[in-house]
Structure formats: C-alpha cells, structure tokens
Amino acid sequence: MQLTNKTDQYVAFKVKTTNPRKYCVRPNTGIVLPGGTCNVTVTMQAQKEAPPDMQCKDKFLLQSVVAPTGATAKDITTELFNKVDGKVVEEFKLRVVYIPANPPSPVPEGSEEGSSPRASVLENGNQNTSLFYTGRVSAEEHKEESSEAWSMVTKLTEEKASALQQNQKLRQELELVRKEISKRRAGGFSLMFVVLVGLISLLLGYIVKRT
C-alpha cells in the first residue's frame, strides 16, 4: 500500500486494524514529507486453512493528520490523532477481500473473462488500495520448509560419505595389520626352522664323532 502526500505540509499517518493478531503492518505509523510517498506493507499471518466461503470481516483504518514541520516518526503520539476542535483528522476505512491464489492466467487483468475484483472498496463507496490474500505467506513458509529439508538431506549425505570414507580407511588399516601379523608369523617360523636344523646338525655331528 503506497501513501502519497500531495500537500506542502508534513503529514502523519497511522494504520489500525480490527484484528491486530492476524495482520502485521510495517510501518503502522510514520511521517510523509511534502510531495513524498511512503510504502506500507501489510502481511497476514499464516492461516491453517482458508475460510470456506472466502469471506472476511477484517477492516483497516488509515488516519492522517497535518504534523508540525520537521516532525519525525518519534514525534508521533496518540494525542496527535485526537479529534479536537479545529483539527482535521482524515480517515479511510478499507475492507479485506480474499482472492484465491490461482495459477497465472493468459487473460490480462481487468478483462471480463474470468476476472475477479482486484480492489477493496471503502465503506463510502470509493475505490482505494487493495488488500489481498494470495497465499504468499504460506508459499514463503513452504519455501523455508523445503530449504530446511534440503539442508538436512545435504547434511545427512555428507555424514554418510564421511562414514563410508572412515569405514574404508579402517578396512585398509586392518588389512595392513593383518599383513604385518602374517609377516611376523612367517618370520618367526623361518627362524625356528633354522634353529631346529642347527640343533639337528650338531646332534648328527656329535653322533658321527662318537662312532
């Protein structure tokens, strides 16, 4: 929602809603400089399910009043919008209209074929800023959930690859240990065989000398 100050004075504004727990308005108060504009973002909190009849009774109230020259957002108080004698406080009431988030259609906006109202209507009958429910919040939540799930899958894949690498390394080390044990056993057997042969030779030599 864009607010435009067409005057040569500083204008303070405030946005109210009948359901503050359901909507987040940023900024909900502010100062618009002479000839300047201000963008107000209205975000609806994620809903568990859409209303069956797609009807909404929520409303917004936009108040504006002339502020002192040089005023900032910090200077805005509740008393500034009090309706006292001589002070003009302009008010605009807007109703919320839900529009299902359908896939894009090749039919241009505003055409009569399959088009639906794109703007909310003020209670006095004038057309003004639109407030839509397009499922954007839900889409962002699904995107965050998908991102978290993808991060978890990537992390698990990396952990699996690391575990397989460690397992392969352990197998290689175990094979080296087995080969070392085999070498030692083979070396021990050869030494014992040499000793036995030596003993037998000495024994035969002794017997030969005796005879």
N, C-alpha and C. Protein backbone atom coordinates (compact mmCIF):
# COMPACT_ATOMS: atom_id res chain seq x y z
N MET A 1 0.85 -1.17 0.00
CA MET A 1 0.00 0.00 0.00
C MET A 1 0.90 1.23 0.00
N GLN A 2 0.68 2.16 -0.92
CA GLN A 2 1.52 3.34 -1.04
C GLN A 2 0.71 4.58 -0.67
N LEU A 3 1.27 5.36 0.23
CA LEU A 3 0.63 6.61 0.67
C LEU A 3 1.37 7.77 0.02
N THR A 4 0.62 8.71 -0.54
CA THR A 4 1.20 9.87 -1.21
C THR A 4 0.71 11.14 -0.57
N ASN A 5 1.64 12.03 -0.25
CA ASN A 5 1.31 13.33 0.33
C ASN A 5 1.31 14.36 -0.79
N LYS A 6 0.14 14.83 -1.16
CA LYS A 6 0.01 15.80 -2.24
C LYS A 6 -0.04 17.24 -1.75
N THR A 7 0.24 17.43 -0.48
CA THR A 7 0.23 18.77 0.09
C THR A 7 1.66 19.28 0.26
N ASP A 8 1.77 20.52 0.74
CA ASP A 8 3.07 21.10 1.02
C ASP A 8 3.37 21.11 2.51
N GLN A 9 2.69 20.23 3.25
CA GLN A 9 2.87 20.14 4.69
C GLN A 9 3.30 18.73 5.08
N TYR A 10 3.88 18.61 6.27
CA TYR A 10 4.21 17.29 6.80
C TYR A 10 2.91 16.61 7.24
N VAL A 11 2.76 15.34 6.91
CA VAL A 11 1.55 14.59 7.24
C VAL A 11 1.92 13.34 8.03
N ALA A 12 1.27 13.16 9.18
CA ALA A 12 1.48 11.95 9.98
C ALA A 12 0.34 10.97 9.69
N PHE A 13 0.66 9.69 9.70
CA PHE A 13 -0.37 8.69 9.44
C PHE A 13 -0.27 7.56 10.47
N LYS A 14 -1.39 6.87 10.61
CA LYS A 14 -1.46 5.71 11.49
C LYS A 14 -2.41 4.70 10.86
N VAL A 15 -2.01 3.43 10.90
CA VAL A 15 -2.83 2.35 10.33
C VAL A 15 -3.29 1.45 11.47
N LYS A 16 -4.59 1.26 11.58
CA LYS A 16 -5.18 0.39 12.59
C LYS A 16 -5.91 -0.77 11.90
N THR A 17 -6.09 -1.85 12.62
CA THR A 17 -6.84 -3.00 12.10
C THR A 17 -7.72 -3.58 13.19
N THR A 18 -8.82 -4.17 12.76
CA THR A 18 -9.73 -4.79 13.72
C THR A 18 -9.22 -6.13 14.23
N ASN A 19 -8.16 -6.64 13.60
CA ASN A 19 -7.60 -7.93 14.01
C ASN A 19 -6.07 -7.82 14.04
N PRO A 20 -5.51 -7.14 15.05
CA PRO A 20 -4.06 -6.92 15.08
C PRO A 20 -3.24 -8.19 15.23
N ARG A 21 -3.81 -9.27 15.77
CA ARG A 21 -3.07 -10.52 15.91
C ARG A 21 -2.92 -11.25 14.58
N LYS A 22 -3.76 -10.92 13.65
CA LYS A 22 -3.78 -11.62 12.37
C LYS A 22 -2.91 -10.94 11.32
N TYR A 23 -2.74 -9.61 11.48
CA TYR A 23 -2.01 -8.86 10.47
C TYR A 23 -0.80 -8.14 11.08
N CYS A 24 0.22 -8.03 10.27
CA CYS A 24 1.43 -7.29 10.65
C CYS A 24 1.57 -6.11 9.68
N VAL A 25 1.56 -4.89 10.23
CA VAL A 25 1.63 -3.69 9.42
C VAL A 25 2.96 -3.00 9.70
N ARG A 26 3.76 -2.79 8.67
CA ARG A 26 5.06 -2.14 8.80
C ARG A 26 5.27 -1.13 7.69
N PRO A 27 5.46 0.18 8.04
CA PRO A 27 5.28 0.73 9.39
C PRO A 27 3.80 1.04 9.63
N ASN A 28 3.38 0.97 10.86
CA ASN A 28 1.98 1.29 11.17
C ASN A 28 1.79 2.77 11.48
N THR A 29 2.89 3.50 11.70
CA THR A 29 2.85 4.95 11.86
C THR A 29 4.05 5.54 11.14
N GLY A 30 3.93 6.83 10.78
CA GLY A 30 5.05 7.46 10.10
C GLY A 30 4.73 8.88 9.67
N ILE A 31 5.74 9.51 9.08
CA ILE A 31 5.60 10.87 8.56
C ILE A 31 5.86 10.83 7.06
N VAL A 32 4.96 11.46 6.30
CA VAL A 32 5.15 11.56 4.85
C VAL A 32 5.50 13.02 4.55
N LEU A 33 6.65 13.23 3.94
CA LEU A 33 7.12 14.58 3.63
C LEU A 33 6.27 15.20 2.53
N PRO A 34 6.28 16.51 2.44
CA PRO A 34 5.51 17.18 1.38
C PRO A 34 5.88 16.66 0.00
N GLY A 35 4.88 16.22 -0.76
CA GLY A 35 5.10 15.69 -2.10
C GLY A 35 5.74 14.32 -2.11
N GLY A 36 5.92 13.71 -0.94
CA GLY A 36 6.59 12.42 -0.86
C GLY A 36 5.63 11.26 -0.79
N THR A 37 6.19 10.06 -0.74
CA THR A 37 5.39 8.84 -0.64
C THR A 37 5.96 7.94 0.45
N CYS A 38 5.15 6.99 0.89
CA CYS A 38 5.57 6.01 1.89
C CYS A 38 4.89 4.68 1.59
N ASN A 39 5.68 3.62 1.54
CA ASN A 39 5.14 2.29 1.29
C ASN A 39 4.85 1.59 2.60
N VAL A 40 3.64 1.09 2.75
CA VAL A 40 3.20 0.36 3.94
C VAL A 40 2.95 -1.09 3.54
N THR A 41 3.61 -2.01 4.23
CA THR A 41 3.46 -3.43 3.93
C THR A 41 2.52 -4.08 4.94
N VAL A 42 1.49 -4.73 4.43
CA VAL A 42 0.53 -5.44 5.28
C VAL A 42 0.70 -6.93 5.02
N THR A 43 1.05 -7.67 6.06
CA THR A 43 1.28 -9.11 5.93
C THR A 43 0.31 -9.86 6.83
N MET A 44 -0.41 -10.81 6.26
CA MET A 44 -1.31 -11.63 7.05
C MET A 44 -0.57 -12.86 7.57
N GLN A 45 -0.73 -13.16 8.83
CA GLN A 45 -0.09 -14.33 9.41
C GLN A 45 -0.63 -15.60 8.74
N ALA A 46 0.18 -16.62 8.71
CA ALA A 46 -0.21 -17.87 8.06
C ALA A 46 -1.44 -18.48 8.74
N GLN A 47 -2.41 -18.86 7.94
CA GLN A 47 -3.64 -19.47 8.45
C GLN A 47 -3.62 -20.98 8.21
N LYS A 48 -4.22 -21.72 9.12
CA LYS A 48 -4.26 -23.18 8.98
C LYS A 48 -5.06 -23.59 7.75
N GLU A 49 -6.13 -22.86 7.48
CA GLU A 49 -6.94 -23.17 6.31
C GLU A 49 -7.70 -21.92 5.89
N ALA A 50 -8.06 -21.87 4.62
CA ALA A 50 -8.79 -20.73 4.10
C ALA A 50 -10.25 -20.80 4.53
N PRO A 51 -10.90 -19.66 4.74
CA PRO A 51 -12.33 -19.68 5.09
C PRO A 51 -13.13 -20.37 4.01
N PRO A 52 -14.10 -21.19 4.37
CA PRO A 52 -14.86 -21.94 3.36
C PRO A 52 -15.60 -21.04 2.39
N ASP A 53 -16.10 -19.90 2.86
CA ASP A 53 -16.84 -19.00 1.98
C ASP A 53 -15.98 -17.87 1.44
N MET A 54 -14.68 -17.87 1.82
CA MET A 54 -13.74 -16.83 1.37
C MET A 54 -14.23 -15.43 1.70
N GLN A 55 -14.95 -15.32 2.80
CA GLN A 55 -15.43 -14.03 3.27
C GLN A 55 -14.61 -13.58 4.47
N CYS A 56 -14.39 -12.28 4.58
CA CYS A 56 -13.60 -11.74 5.69
C CYS A 56 -14.25 -10.46 6.19
N LYS A 57 -14.32 -10.34 7.52
CA LYS A 57 -14.90 -9.16 8.14
C LYS A 57 -13.83 -8.21 8.67
N ASP A 58 -12.57 -8.53 8.43
CA ASP A 58 -11.48 -7.68 8.92
C ASP A 58 -11.47 -6.35 8.17
N LYS A 59 -11.12 -5.29 8.90
CA LYS A 59 -11.06 -3.96 8.31
C LYS A 59 -9.80 -3.23 8.76
N PHE A 60 -9.42 -2.25 7.98
CA PHE A 60 -8.30 -1.38 8.32
C PHE A 60 -8.77 0.06 8.35
N LEU A 61 -8.18 0.84 9.25
CA LEU A 61 -8.49 2.26 9.34
C LEU A 61 -7.19 3.04 9.16
N LEU A 62 -7.16 3.89 8.15
CA LEU A 62 -6.00 4.72 7.88
C LEU A 62 -6.33 6.15 8.29
N GLN A 63 -5.58 6.66 9.26
CA GLN A 63 -5.77 8.02 9.74
C GLN A 63 -4.59 8.89 9.31
N SER A 64 -4.88 10.13 8.95
CA SER A 64 -3.82 11.07 8.59
C SER A 64 -4.16 12.44 9.14
N VAL A 65 -3.11 13.17 9.52
CA VAL A 65 -3.30 14.49 10.11
C VAL A 65 -2.05 15.32 9.81
N VAL A 66 -2.24 16.62 9.71
CA VAL A 66 -1.11 17.51 9.46
C VAL A 66 -0.20 17.52 10.70
N ALA A 67 1.10 17.37 10.47
CA ALA A 67 2.07 17.34 11.56
C ALA A 67 2.94 18.59 11.50
N PRO A 68 3.60 18.92 12.61
CA PRO A 68 4.49 20.08 12.62
C PRO A 68 5.63 19.90 11.61
N THR A 69 6.07 20.99 11.04
CA THR A 69 7.18 20.95 10.08
C THR A 69 8.44 20.39 10.75
N GLY A 70 9.07 19.46 10.06
CA GLY A 70 10.28 18.85 10.60
C GLY A 70 10.02 17.68 11.53
N ALA A 71 8.76 17.29 11.70
CA ALA A 71 8.41 16.18 12.59
C ALA A 71 8.96 14.87 12.05
N THR A 72 9.26 13.95 12.96
CA THR A 72 9.73 12.61 12.61
C THR A 72 8.80 11.57 13.22
N ALA A 73 9.08 10.32 12.93
CA ALA A 73 8.24 9.23 13.45
C ALA A 73 8.24 9.21 14.98
N LYS A 74 9.35 9.67 15.59
CA LYS A 74 9.42 9.67 17.06
C LYS A 74 8.47 10.69 17.68
N ASP A 75 8.07 11.68 16.88
CA ASP A 75 7.18 12.72 17.40
C ASP A 75 5.71 12.33 17.34
N ILE A 76 5.40 11.17 16.78
CA ILE A 76 4.01 10.76 16.64
C ILE A 76 3.51 10.22 17.98
N THR A 77 2.40 10.75 18.44
CA THR A 77 1.78 10.32 19.69
C THR A 77 0.31 10.03 19.44
N THR A 78 -0.32 9.39 20.40
CA THR A 78 -1.75 9.09 20.28
C THR A 78 -2.56 10.37 20.26
N GLU A 79 -2.13 11.36 21.03
CA GLU A 79 -2.86 12.62 21.11
C GLU A 79 -2.88 13.36 19.78
N LEU A 80 -1.89 13.06 18.92
CA LEU A 80 -1.82 13.76 17.64
C LEU A 80 -3.03 13.47 16.77
N PHE A 81 -3.66 12.30 16.98
CA PHE A 81 -4.80 11.90 16.15
C PHE A 81 -6.14 12.11 16.86
N ASN A 82 -6.12 12.78 18.01
CA ASN A 82 -7.37 13.08 18.70
C ASN A 82 -8.16 14.12 17.92
N LYS A 83 -9.45 13.90 17.85
CA LYS A 83 -10.32 14.82 17.12
C LYS A 83 -10.77 15.94 18.05
N VAL A 84 -9.99 16.98 18.10
CA VAL A 84 -10.35 18.14 18.91
C VAL A 84 -10.81 19.26 17.99
N ASP A 85 -11.34 20.31 18.59
CA ASP A 85 -11.87 21.42 17.80
C ASP A 85 -10.78 22.04 16.93
N GLY A 86 -11.09 22.19 15.66
CA GLY A 86 -10.16 22.84 14.75
C GLY A 86 -9.17 21.90 14.10
N LYS A 87 -9.06 20.65 14.55
CA LYS A 87 -8.11 19.71 13.95
C LYS A 87 -8.84 18.77 12.99
N VAL A 88 -8.26 18.64 11.80
CA VAL A 88 -8.85 17.77 10.79
C VAL A 88 -8.08 16.45 10.77
N VAL A 89 -8.78 15.38 11.06
CA VAL A 89 -8.20 14.04 11.02
C VAL A 89 -8.94 13.26 9.93
N GLU A 90 -8.25 13.01 8.84
CA GLU A 90 -8.87 12.28 7.75
C GLU A 90 -8.78 10.78 8.03
N GLU A 91 -9.86 10.07 7.69
CA GLU A 91 -9.92 8.64 7.93
C GLU A 91 -10.41 7.92 6.68
N PHE A 92 -9.77 6.80 6.40
CA PHE A 92 -10.18 5.94 5.29
C PHE A 92 -10.34 4.53 5.83
N LYS A 93 -11.49 3.95 5.60
CA LYS A 93 -11.75 2.58 6.05
C LYS A 93 -11.67 1.63 4.85
N LEU A 94 -10.95 0.53 5.05
CA LEU A 94 -10.78 -0.45 3.98
C LEU A 94 -11.19 -1.83 4.48
N ARG A 95 -11.85 -2.56 3.62
CA ARG A 95 -12.25 -3.94 3.93
C ARG A 95 -11.27 -4.90 3.26
N VAL A 96 -11.03 -6.04 3.91
CA VAL A 96 -10.14 -7.06 3.36
C VAL A 96 -10.94 -8.00 2.47
N VAL A 97 -10.41 -8.27 1.28
CA VAL A 97 -11.05 -9.18 0.33
C VAL A 97 -10.10 -10.32 0.05
N TYR A 98 -10.54 -11.56 0.25
CA TYR A 98 -9.72 -12.73 -0.05
C TYR A 98 -9.87 -13.10 -1.52
N ILE A 99 -8.74 -13.34 -2.16
CA ILE A 99 -8.73 -13.82 -3.55
C ILE A 99 -7.87 -15.07 -3.60
N PRO A 100 -8.40 -16.22 -4.03
CA PRO A 100 -7.60 -17.46 -4.08
C PRO A 100 -6.36 -17.27 -4.94
N ALA A 101 -5.30 -17.93 -4.52
CA ALA A 101 -4.04 -17.87 -5.28
C ALA A 101 -4.08 -18.90 -6.39
N ASN A 102 -4.59 -18.52 -7.56
CA ASN A 102 -4.68 -19.42 -8.71
C ASN A 102 -3.46 -19.26 -9.59
N PRO A 103 -3.14 -20.27 -10.41
CA PRO A 103 -2.02 -20.13 -11.36
C PRO A 103 -2.24 -18.95 -12.29
N PRO A 104 -1.17 -18.35 -12.83
CA PRO A 104 -1.31 -17.20 -13.74
C PRO A 104 -2.16 -17.55 -14.94
N SER A 105 -2.99 -16.61 -15.34
CA SER A 105 -3.87 -16.81 -16.49
C SER A 105 -3.42 -15.92 -17.64
N PRO A 106 -3.51 -16.41 -18.87
CA PRO A 106 -3.13 -15.59 -20.01
C PRO A 106 -4.06 -14.42 -20.24
N VAL A 107 -5.22 -14.44 -19.58
CA VAL A 107 -6.18 -13.35 -19.74
C VAL A 107 -5.66 -12.12 -19.02
N PRO A 108 -5.52 -10.98 -19.64
CA PRO A 108 -4.99 -9.77 -18.98
C PRO A 108 -5.89 -9.36 -17.83
N GLU A 109 -5.26 -8.71 -16.85
CA GLU A 109 -6.03 -8.23 -15.71
C GLU A 109 -7.02 -7.18 -16.18
N GLY A 110 -8.18 -7.22 -15.57
CA GLY A 110 -9.19 -6.22 -15.91
C GLY A 110 -10.15 -6.69 -16.98
N SER A 111 -9.86 -7.82 -17.64
CA SER A 111 -10.77 -8.32 -18.66
C SER A 111 -11.97 -8.93 -17.99
N GLU A 112 -13.06 -9.01 -18.72
CA GLU A 112 -14.31 -9.50 -18.15
C GLU A 112 -14.29 -11.01 -18.02
N GLU A 113 -13.46 -11.68 -18.81
CA GLU A 113 -13.47 -13.14 -18.83
C GLU A 113 -12.75 -13.69 -17.61
N GLY A 114 -13.53 -14.27 -16.71
CA GLY A 114 -12.97 -14.93 -15.54
C GLY A 114 -12.27 -14.00 -14.57
N SER A 115 -12.48 -12.70 -14.70
CA SER A 115 -11.79 -11.77 -13.80
C SER A 115 -12.57 -11.63 -12.52
N SER A 116 -11.85 -11.31 -11.43
CA SER A 116 -12.47 -11.09 -10.15
C SER A 116 -12.00 -9.75 -9.63
N PRO A 117 -12.73 -9.14 -8.71
CA PRO A 117 -12.37 -7.81 -8.21
C PRO A 117 -10.96 -7.82 -7.66
N ARG A 118 -10.18 -6.79 -8.00
CA ARG A 118 -8.80 -6.69 -7.56
C ARG A 118 -8.62 -5.62 -6.49
N ALA A 119 -9.67 -4.91 -6.11
CA ALA A 119 -9.51 -3.84 -5.13
C ALA A 119 -10.58 -3.94 -4.07
N SER A 120 -10.22 -3.53 -2.86
CA SER A 120 -11.23 -3.44 -1.82
C SER A 120 -11.95 -2.12 -1.97
N VAL A 121 -13.15 -2.01 -1.44
CA VAL A 121 -13.97 -0.82 -1.60
C VAL A 121 -14.17 -0.17 -0.25
N LEU A 122 -14.02 1.15 -0.21
CA LEU A 122 -14.25 1.87 1.03
C LEU A 122 -15.72 1.82 1.38
N GLU A 123 -16.00 2.02 2.66
CA GLU A 123 -17.39 1.96 3.10
C GLU A 123 -18.22 3.10 2.52
N ASN A 124 -17.56 4.20 2.08
CA ASN A 124 -18.31 5.29 1.48
C ASN A 124 -18.48 5.10 -0.02
N GLY A 125 -18.02 3.94 -0.55
CA GLY A 125 -18.25 3.62 -1.95
C GLY A 125 -17.12 3.97 -2.88
N ASN A 126 -16.04 4.60 -2.41
CA ASN A 126 -14.91 4.94 -3.26
C ASN A 126 -13.93 3.81 -3.32
N GLN A 127 -13.31 3.68 -4.49
CA GLN A 127 -12.33 2.61 -4.67
C GLN A 127 -10.98 3.06 -4.15
N ASN A 128 -10.28 2.15 -3.46
CA ASN A 128 -9.00 2.54 -2.88
C ASN A 128 -8.04 1.37 -2.93
N THR A 129 -7.03 1.42 -2.07
CA THR A 129 -5.94 0.44 -2.07
C THR A 129 -6.46 -0.97 -1.87
N SER A 130 -5.83 -1.93 -2.52
CA SER A 130 -6.24 -3.33 -2.44
C SER A 130 -5.48 -4.05 -1.33
N LEU A 131 -6.17 -4.95 -0.67
CA LEU A 131 -5.56 -5.85 0.30
C LEU A 131 -5.98 -7.25 -0.08
N PHE A 132 -5.02 -8.09 -0.43
CA PHE A 132 -5.33 -9.41 -0.96
C PHE A 132 -4.82 -10.50 -0.05
N TYR A 133 -5.48 -11.64 -0.13
CA TYR A 133 -4.93 -12.87 0.44
C TYR A 133 -4.59 -13.78 -0.72
N THR A 134 -3.29 -13.83 -1.03
CA THR A 134 -2.85 -14.61 -2.19
C THR A 134 -2.07 -15.84 -1.80
N GLY A 135 -2.01 -16.13 -0.52
CA GLY A 135 -1.27 -17.30 -0.08
C GLY A 135 0.22 -17.09 -0.12
N ARG A 136 0.70 -15.82 -0.19
CA ARG A 136 2.13 -15.57 -0.28
C ARG A 136 2.85 -16.02 0.98
N VAL A 137 2.20 -15.80 2.14
CA VAL A 137 2.84 -16.20 3.39
C VAL A 137 3.02 -17.70 3.44
N SER A 138 1.96 -18.43 3.02
CA SER A 138 2.06 -19.89 3.02
C SER A 138 3.14 -20.35 2.06
N ALA A 139 3.24 -19.70 0.91
CA ALA A 139 4.27 -20.08 -0.06
C ALA A 139 5.66 -19.86 0.52
N GLU A 140 5.85 -18.76 1.21
CA GLU A 140 7.15 -18.49 1.82
C GLU A 140 7.47 -19.53 2.88
N GLU A 141 6.46 -19.94 3.67
CA GLU A 141 6.69 -20.95 4.69
C GLU A 141 7.07 -22.28 4.05
N HIS A 142 6.35 -22.66 2.97
CA HIS A 142 6.70 -23.91 2.29
C HIS A 142 8.11 -23.83 1.73
N LYS A 143 8.49 -22.64 1.24
CA LYS A 143 9.84 -22.48 0.70
C LYS A 143 10.87 -22.65 1.79
N GLU A 144 10.61 -22.07 2.99
CA GLU A 144 11.54 -22.23 4.10
C GLU A 144 11.63 -23.68 4.54
N GLU A 145 10.45 -24.37 4.60
CA GLU A 145 10.46 -25.78 5.00
C GLU A 145 11.25 -26.62 3.99
N SER A 146 11.06 -26.33 2.68
CA SER A 146 11.80 -27.07 1.66
C SER A 146 13.30 -26.82 1.79
N SER A 147 13.65 -25.55 2.09
CA SER A 147 15.06 -25.22 2.25
C SER A 147 15.66 -25.96 3.44
N GLU A 148 14.92 -26.00 4.56
CA GLU A 148 15.40 -26.72 5.74
C GLU A 148 15.54 -28.21 5.44
N ALA A 149 14.55 -28.78 4.73
CA ALA A 149 14.62 -30.21 4.40
C ALA A 149 15.81 -30.50 3.49
N TRP A 150 16.04 -29.62 2.51
CA TRP A 150 17.17 -29.82 1.61
C TRP A 150 18.48 -29.73 2.37
N SER A 151 18.58 -28.78 3.31
CA SER A 151 19.80 -28.66 4.12
C SER A 151 20.03 -29.92 4.95
N MET A 152 18.94 -30.48 5.49
CA MET A 152 19.08 -31.69 6.30
C MET A 152 19.52 -32.87 5.43
N VAL A 153 18.94 -32.97 4.22
CA VAL A 153 19.33 -34.06 3.31
C VAL A 153 20.80 -33.93 2.93
N THR A 154 21.23 -32.70 2.64
CA THR A 154 22.64 -32.47 2.29
C THR A 154 23.56 -32.85 3.45
N LYS A 155 23.15 -32.47 4.66
CA LYS A 155 23.97 -32.78 5.83
C LYS A 155 24.07 -34.28 6.04
N LEU A 156 22.94 -34.99 5.91
CA LEU A 156 22.95 -36.44 6.07
C LEU A 156 23.80 -37.12 4.99
N THR A 157 23.72 -36.59 3.77
CA THR A 157 24.53 -37.15 2.68
C THR A 157 26.02 -36.99 2.97
N GLU A 158 26.40 -35.82 3.46
CA GLU A 158 27.80 -35.58 3.80
C GLU A 158 28.25 -36.49 4.94
N GLU A 159 27.39 -36.66 5.95
CA GLU A 159 27.74 -37.54 7.06
C GLU A 159 27.89 -38.98 6.60
N LYS A 160 27.01 -39.41 5.68
CA LYS A 160 27.10 -40.77 5.15
C LYS A 160 28.40 -40.97 4.39
N ALA A 161 28.76 -39.98 3.53
CA ALA A 161 30.00 -40.07 2.77
C ALA A 161 31.21 -40.11 3.70
N SER A 162 31.16 -39.30 4.77
CA SER A 162 32.27 -39.30 5.73
C SER A 162 32.38 -40.64 6.45
N ALA A 163 31.22 -41.22 6.82
CA ALA A 163 31.23 -42.52 7.49
C ALA A 163 31.78 -43.61 6.58
N LEU A 164 31.39 -43.57 5.29
CA LEU A 164 31.91 -44.57 4.35
C LEU A 164 33.42 -44.42 4.16
N GLN A 165 33.88 -43.17 4.13
CA GLN A 165 35.32 -42.93 3.98
C GLN A 165 36.09 -43.45 5.19
N GLN A 166 35.56 -43.19 6.39
CA GLN A 166 36.21 -43.69 7.60
C GLN A 166 36.20 -45.21 7.65
N ASN A 167 35.08 -45.79 7.20
CA ASN A 167 34.98 -47.26 7.18
C ASN A 167 36.02 -47.86 6.24
N GLN A 168 36.18 -47.22 5.07
CA GLN A 168 37.18 -47.71 4.11
C GLN A 168 38.59 -47.56 4.67
N LYS A 169 38.84 -46.46 5.36
CA LYS A 169 40.16 -46.24 5.95
C LYS A 169 40.47 -47.28 7.02
N LEU A 170 39.44 -47.59 7.85
CA LEU A 170 39.62 -48.61 8.88
C LEU A 170 39.90 -49.98 8.26
N ARG A 171 39.22 -50.28 7.17
CA ARG A 171 39.46 -51.56 6.49
C ARG A 171 40.89 -51.64 5.96
N GLN A 172 41.38 -50.54 5.39
CA GLN A 172 42.74 -50.53 4.89
C GLN A 172 43.75 -50.73 6.02
N GLU A 173 43.50 -50.04 7.15
CA GLU A 173 44.39 -50.18 8.30
C GLU A 173 44.35 -51.61 8.84
N LEU A 174 43.16 -52.23 8.88
CA LEU A 174 43.02 -53.60 9.35
C LEU A 174 43.77 -54.56 8.43
N GLU A 175 43.72 -54.31 7.13
CA GLU A 175 44.42 -55.16 6.18
C GLU A 175 45.93 -55.05 6.37
N LEU A 176 46.41 -53.83 6.64
CA LEU A 176 47.84 -53.64 6.90
C LEU A 176 48.27 -54.39 8.15
N VAL A 177 47.43 -54.34 9.19
CA VAL A 177 47.73 -55.05 10.44
C VAL A 177 47.80 -56.55 10.19
N ARG A 178 46.86 -57.06 9.40
CA ARG A 178 46.84 -58.50 9.10
C ARG A 178 48.11 -58.91 8.34
N LYS A 179 48.51 -58.08 7.38
CA LYS A 179 49.73 -58.40 6.64
C LYS A 179 50.96 -58.37 7.53
N GLU A 180 50.99 -57.42 8.45
CA GLU A 180 52.13 -57.32 9.37
C GLU A 180 52.19 -58.54 10.28
N ILE A 181 51.00 -58.97 10.77
CA ILE A 181 50.96 -60.17 11.62
C ILE A 181 51.41 -61.39 10.84
N SER A 182 50.97 -61.47 9.57
CA SER A 182 51.37 -62.61 8.74
C SER A 182 52.88 -62.63 8.52
N LYS A 183 53.46 -61.45 8.28
CA LYS A 183 54.91 -61.38 8.08
C LYS A 183 55.66 -61.82 9.33
N ARG A 184 55.16 -61.33 10.48
CA ARG A 184 55.82 -61.71 11.73
C ARG A 184 55.73 -63.21 11.99
N ARG A 185 54.56 -63.77 11.70
CA ARG A 185 54.40 -65.22 11.89
C ARG A 185 55.32 -65.98 10.93
N ALA A 186 55.38 -65.52 9.70
CA ALA A 186 56.25 -66.19 8.73
C ALA A 186 57.70 -66.06 9.13
N GLY A 187 58.11 -64.89 9.61
CA GLY A 187 59.48 -64.69 10.06
C GLY A 187 59.81 -65.54 11.26
N GLY A 188 58.93 -65.67 12.18
CA GLY A 188 59.13 -66.49 13.37
C GLY A 188 59.28 -67.96 13.01
N PHE A 189 58.49 -68.42 12.09
CA PHE A 189 58.56 -69.82 11.68
C PHE A 189 59.90 -70.14 11.00
N SER A 190 60.37 -69.21 10.18
CA SER A 190 61.65 -69.43 9.49
C SER A 190 62.80 -69.48 10.48
N LEU A 191 62.83 -68.63 11.47
CA LEU A 191 63.90 -68.62 12.48
C LEU A 191 63.89 -69.91 13.28
N MET A 192 62.71 -70.34 13.67
CA MET A 192 62.60 -71.59 14.44
C MET A 192 63.09 -72.78 13.60
N PHE A 193 62.76 -72.74 12.33
CA PHE A 193 63.20 -73.83 11.45
C PHE A 193 64.73 -73.87 11.34
N VAL A 194 65.33 -72.69 11.25
CA VAL A 194 66.80 -72.62 11.18
C VAL A 194 67.43 -73.15 12.46
N VAL A 195 66.84 -72.79 13.60
CA VAL A 195 67.36 -73.27 14.90
C VAL A 195 67.28 -74.78 14.99
N LEU A 196 66.14 -75.32 14.58
CA LEU A 196 65.98 -76.78 14.63
C LEU A 196 66.98 -77.49 13.73
N VAL A 197 67.17 -76.93 12.54
CA VAL A 197 68.14 -77.53 11.61
C VAL A 197 69.54 -77.49 12.21
N GLY A 198 69.84 -76.36 12.87
CA GLY A 198 71.16 -76.25 13.50
C GLY A 198 71.35 -77.26 14.60
N LEU A 199 70.33 -77.45 15.44
CA LEU A 199 70.40 -78.41 16.53
C LEU A 199 70.56 -79.83 16.00
N ILE A 200 69.79 -80.13 14.95
CA ILE A 200 69.90 -81.47 14.36
C ILE A 200 71.31 -81.71 13.79
N SER A 201 71.87 -80.69 13.18
CA SER A 201 73.23 -80.81 12.60
C SER A 201 74.26 -81.06 13.68
N LEU A 202 74.14 -80.29 14.78
CA LEU A 202 75.07 -80.51 15.90
C LEU A 202 74.94 -81.91 16.47
N LEU A 203 73.71 -82.37 16.58
CA LEU A 203 73.47 -83.70 17.12
C LEU A 203 74.07 -84.78 16.21
N LEU A 204 73.87 -84.62 14.90
CA LEU A 204 74.44 -85.60 13.97
C LEU A 204 75.96 -85.58 14.01
N GLY A 205 76.55 -84.35 14.09
CA GLY A 205 78.00 -84.26 14.16
C GLY A 205 78.56 -84.94 15.41
N TYR A 206 77.84 -84.76 16.53
CA TYR A 206 78.26 -85.39 17.77
C TYR A 206 78.23 -86.90 17.66
N ILE A 207 77.12 -87.39 17.02
CA ILE A 207 76.97 -88.86 16.87
C ILE A 207 78.07 -89.41 15.97
N VAL A 208 78.37 -88.69 14.91
CA VAL A 208 79.39 -89.15 13.99
C VAL A 208 80.76 -89.22 14.69
N LYS A 209 81.07 -88.22 15.50
CA LYS A 209 82.35 -88.22 16.23
C LYS A 209 82.43 -89.37 17.22
N ARG A 210 81.34 -89.72 17.85
CA ARG A 210 81.30 -90.78 18.84
C ARG A 210 81.54 -92.14 18.18
N THR A 211 81.05 -92.25 16.99
CA THR A 211 81.21 -93.51 16.30
C THR A 211 82.59 -93.61 15.68
